[in-house]
Amino acid sequence: METTTSRHYSLLDRCLIELQKSIATVFGDPVATRTIPAADVKETVLSSEQRKHSAGLMRVNHTGEVSAQALYQAQSLTARSTTTRECMQKSAEEENDHLAWCKQRLQELGSHASYLNPVWYAGSFMIGLIAGLASDALSLGFVAETERQVVNHLQHHLKILPAEDTKSRAIVKQMQEDESHHGTVAVTAGAAELPDIIKTVMKLLSKIMTRTAYWV
């Protein structure tokens, strides 16, 4: 009997699956496969300003995870080799945990996800398609560079998150460890080094997204 994991999906099947995933990512309630890192961390009393600041940062992180899902889904769809596709899918599953954790934390802080998430998802999906259509090596290189920049971004968040917000800090720390691992996996799988101009453009787009998502 053919199992779900062994079944060979057609391109149309994969497109429909990714469409379902995209709707769930942007409008649904993601379910984590791992326990949220802050589960055993006691909630502390935050001032109104601290809560607002933490919410803004976690909204940025949530938007980043929405974009990550778009990238991985597009790159998985266009991957030429089974190994590359499985690499993308595995990382996307772990990134989905981040998506769920950030959304839960936003709710705990009494805030909301970015209203522009559909825009960020669409843009990231297009970028992922372009990278994936170019080649598997370039696609993996894009993942490796993205994760490198995200690790640095999360390190910055650990510096500016309120020291009292131990729950958000626990989540961000685990996310940082996972992102570093995903980058290493991409490099091991054969990631190509991206040209400096592409890295610069990626940083610029990231700044636009993070500054906007913090407020909207």
Protein backbone atom coordinates (compact mmCIF):
# COMPACT_ATOMS: atom_id res chain seq x y z
CA MET A 1 0.00 0.00 0.00
CA GLU A 2 1.34 3.43 -0.95
CA THR A 3 1.95 5.77 1.94
CA THR A 4 1.63 9.54 1.98
CA THR A 5 5.39 9.99 2.34
CA SER A 6 6.23 7.62 -0.52
CA ARG A 7 3.63 8.93 -2.98
CA HIS A 8 4.96 10.85 -5.99
CA TYR A 9 2.86 13.98 -6.37
CA SER A 10 2.31 15.64 -9.72
CA LEU A 11 3.16 19.33 -10.20
CA LEU A 12 -0.55 20.18 -9.96
CA ASP A 13 -0.84 18.21 -6.72
CA ARG A 14 2.13 20.06 -5.25
CA CYS A 15 0.75 23.43 -6.36
CA LEU A 16 -2.58 22.72 -4.65
CA ILE A 17 -0.81 21.55 -1.50
CA GLU A 18 1.29 24.72 -1.40
CA LEU A 19 -1.81 26.85 -1.98
CA GLN A 20 -3.46 25.22 1.02
CA LYS A 21 -0.32 25.82 3.07
CA SER A 22 -0.18 29.48 2.04
CA ILE A 23 -3.75 30.09 3.17
CA ALA A 24 -3.06 28.35 6.48
CA THR A 25 0.15 30.34 6.98
CA VAL A 26 -1.36 33.77 6.42
CA PHE A 27 -4.89 33.33 7.76
CA GLY A 28 -4.88 30.18 9.89
CA ASP A 29 -3.72 29.20 13.35
CA PRO A 30 -0.45 27.24 13.02
CA VAL A 31 0.03 24.25 15.30
CA ALA A 32 3.51 23.63 16.67
CA THR A 33 4.95 20.12 16.85
CA ARG A 34 7.24 21.14 19.71
CA THR A 35 6.35 22.65 23.06
CA ILE A 36 6.78 26.40 23.15
CA PRO A 37 10.16 27.22 24.77
CA ALA A 38 8.47 29.63 27.18
CA ALA A 39 6.05 27.00 28.52
CA ASP A 40 7.82 26.72 31.89
CA VAL A 41 8.82 30.37 32.08
CA LYS A 42 6.82 32.46 34.51
CA GLU A 43 5.06 35.51 33.10
CA THR A 44 6.48 38.71 34.53
CA VAL A 45 4.83 42.08 35.00
CA LEU A 46 5.71 44.43 32.14
CA SER A 47 5.04 48.12 31.91
CA SER A 48 2.78 49.38 29.14
CA GLU A 49 5.79 50.55 27.14
CA GLN A 50 7.67 47.29 27.64
CA ARG A 51 4.66 45.25 26.56
CA LYS A 52 4.20 47.43 23.48
CA HIS A 53 7.89 47.13 22.57
CA SER A 54 7.93 43.35 23.05
CA ALA A 55 4.78 43.02 20.96
CA GLY A 56 6.35 45.05 18.16
CA LEU A 57 9.45 42.87 18.13
CA MET A 58 7.49 39.62 18.26
CA ARG A 59 5.25 40.90 15.46
CA VAL A 60 8.40 41.43 13.39
CA ASN A 61 9.51 37.88 14.20
CA HIS A 62 6.09 36.49 13.30
CA THR A 63 6.19 38.31 9.96
CA GLY A 64 9.65 36.91 9.37
CA GLU A 65 8.29 33.41 9.88
CA VAL A 66 5.41 34.08 7.49
CA SER A 67 7.99 35.12 4.89
CA ALA A 68 10.12 32.07 5.70
CA GLN A 69 7.18 29.77 5.04
CA ALA A 70 6.62 31.47 1.69
CA LEU A 71 10.27 31.09 0.72
CA TYR A 72 10.49 27.43 1.71
CA GLN A 73 7.19 26.54 0.08
CA ALA A 74 8.16 28.18 -3.21
CA GLN A 75 11.64 26.68 -3.18
CA SER A 76 10.27 23.24 -2.34
CA LEU A 77 7.86 23.55 -5.27
CA THR A 78 10.65 24.37 -7.74
CA ALA A 79 13.38 22.10 -6.36
CA ARG A 80 14.84 19.77 -8.95
CA SER A 81 16.23 17.10 -6.65
CA THR A 82 14.34 15.13 -4.03
CA THR A 83 17.10 15.82 -1.52
CA THR A 84 16.74 19.59 -1.90
CA ARG A 85 12.95 19.38 -1.72
CA GLU A 86 13.08 17.30 1.47
CA CYS A 87 15.59 19.73 2.97
CA MET A 88 13.22 22.64 2.31
CA GLN A 89 10.20 20.78 3.63
CA LYS A 90 11.95 19.72 6.84
CA SER A 91 13.11 23.26 7.57
CA ALA A 92 9.63 24.61 6.78
CA GLU A 93 8.10 22.23 9.33
CA GLU A 94 10.45 23.48 12.04
CA GLU A 95 9.87 27.10 11.00
CA ASN A 96 6.15 26.47 11.44
CA ASP A 97 6.85 25.96 15.14
CA HIS A 98 8.33 29.46 15.22
CA LEU A 99 5.23 30.79 13.49
CA ALA A 100 2.98 29.22 16.12
CA TRP A 101 5.16 30.33 19.03
CA CYS A 102 5.30 33.95 17.87
CA LYS A 103 1.56 34.10 17.30
CA GLN A 104 0.87 32.67 20.75
CA ARG A 105 3.23 35.17 22.34
CA LEU A 106 1.56 38.05 20.49
CA GLN A 107 -1.79 36.94 21.87
CA GLU A 108 -0.34 36.75 25.38
CA LEU A 109 0.96 40.30 24.97
CA GLY A 110 -2.50 41.42 23.89
CA SER A 111 -1.37 42.30 20.38
CA HIS A 112 -1.83 41.15 16.80
CA ALA A 113 0.09 39.91 13.77
CA SER A 114 1.06 42.34 11.01
CA TYR A 115 -1.85 43.40 8.82
CA LEU A 116 0.54 43.33 5.87
CA ASN A 117 1.42 39.64 6.18
CA PRO A 118 -0.39 38.72 2.90
CA VAL A 119 1.86 41.23 1.11
CA TRP A 120 5.04 39.91 2.72
CA TYR A 121 4.00 36.33 1.96
CA ALA A 122 3.31 37.06 -1.71
CA GLY A 123 6.58 38.92 -2.17
CA SER A 124 8.63 36.24 -0.43
CA PHE A 125 6.94 33.49 -2.44
CA MET A 126 7.91 35.21 -5.69
CA ILE A 127 11.51 35.57 -4.50
CA GLY A 128 11.54 31.89 -3.53
CA LEU A 129 10.24 30.90 -6.97
CA ILE A 130 12.93 32.90 -8.73
CA ALA A 131 15.69 31.41 -6.57
CA GLY A 132 14.31 27.90 -6.98
CA LEU A 133 13.94 28.18 -10.75
CA ALA A 134 17.54 29.40 -11.06
CA SER A 135 19.08 26.25 -9.57
CA ASP A 136 19.03 24.09 -6.45
CA ALA A 137 22.47 25.36 -5.45
CA LEU A 138 21.38 29.00 -5.69
CA SER A 139 18.14 28.20 -3.88
CA LEU A 140 20.06 26.59 -1.03
CA GLY A 141 22.48 29.52 -1.07
CA PHE A 142 19.55 31.85 -0.64
CA VAL A 143 18.43 29.81 2.37
CA ALA A 144 21.90 29.85 3.90
CA GLU A 145 22.25 33.64 3.52
CA THR A 146 18.70 34.27 4.74
CA GLU A 147 19.30 32.21 7.86
CA ARG A 148 22.63 33.95 8.49
CA GLN A 149 20.91 37.33 8.40
CA VAL A 150 18.03 36.08 10.55
CA VAL A 151 20.44 34.78 13.21
CA ASN A 152 22.01 38.25 13.40
CA HIS A 153 18.57 39.85 13.50
CA LEU A 154 17.46 37.63 16.39
CA GLN A 155 20.70 38.35 18.24
CA HIS A 156 19.84 42.05 18.01
CA HIS A 157 16.36 41.33 19.37
CA LEU A 158 17.85 39.52 22.35
CA LYS A 159 19.76 42.72 23.11
CA ILE A 160 16.77 45.08 22.87
CA LEU A 161 13.94 42.94 24.25
CA PRO A 162 13.05 44.03 27.80
CA ALA A 163 15.13 42.01 30.26
CA GLU A 164 11.92 41.37 32.22
CA ASP A 165 10.22 39.71 29.23
CA THR A 166 11.74 36.30 29.87
CA LYS A 167 9.04 34.46 27.92
CA SER A 168 9.70 36.29 24.65
CA ARG A 169 13.44 35.96 25.18
CA ALA A 170 13.15 32.17 25.61
CA ILE A 171 11.27 31.90 22.33
CA VAL A 172 13.71 34.09 20.40
CA LYS A 173 16.71 32.18 21.76
CA GLN A 174 15.34 28.83 20.56
CA MET A 175 14.43 30.34 17.20
CA GLN A 176 17.99 31.58 16.83
CA GLU A 177 19.39 28.10 17.47
CA ASP A 178 17.02 26.56 14.93
CA GLU A 179 17.79 29.17 12.26
CA SER A 180 21.53 28.59 12.66
CA HIS A 181 20.95 24.85 12.19
CA HIS A 182 18.86 25.42 9.05
CA GLY A 183 21.64 27.52 7.56
CA THR A 184 24.18 24.81 8.29
CA VAL A 185 21.95 22.17 6.69
CA ALA A 186 21.63 24.28 3.54
CA VAL A 187 25.40 24.72 3.28
CA THR A 188 25.96 20.99 3.78
CA ALA A 189 23.37 20.24 1.09
CA GLY A 190 25.38 22.21 -1.48
CA ALA A 191 24.48 25.88 -1.12
CA ALA A 192 26.18 28.26 -3.53
CA GLU A 193 27.68 31.53 -2.27
CA LEU A 194 25.48 34.44 -3.31
CA PRO A 195 26.90 37.56 -5.03
CA ASP A 196 27.39 40.52 -2.69
CA ILE A 197 24.77 42.58 -4.54
CA ILE A 198 22.08 39.99 -3.78
CA LYS A 199 23.09 39.92 -0.12
CA THR A 200 22.83 43.72 0.02
CA VAL A 201 19.38 43.73 -1.57
CA MET A 202 18.25 41.04 0.89
CA LYS A 203 19.38 43.21 3.82
CA LEU A 204 17.56 46.24 2.41
CA LEU A 205 14.30 44.34 1.93
CA SER A 206 14.63 42.90 5.42
CA LYS A 207 14.98 46.38 6.93
CA ILE A 208 11.88 47.59 5.12
CA MET A 209 9.88 44.61 6.34
CA THR A 210 11.05 44.76 9.96
CA ARG A 211 10.53 48.49 10.36
CA THR A 212 7.06 48.27 8.88
CA ALA A 213 5.95 45.14 10.74
CA TYR A 214 6.97 46.63 14.09
CA TRP A 215 4.14 49.17 13.78
CA VAL A 216 1.59 47.70 11.35
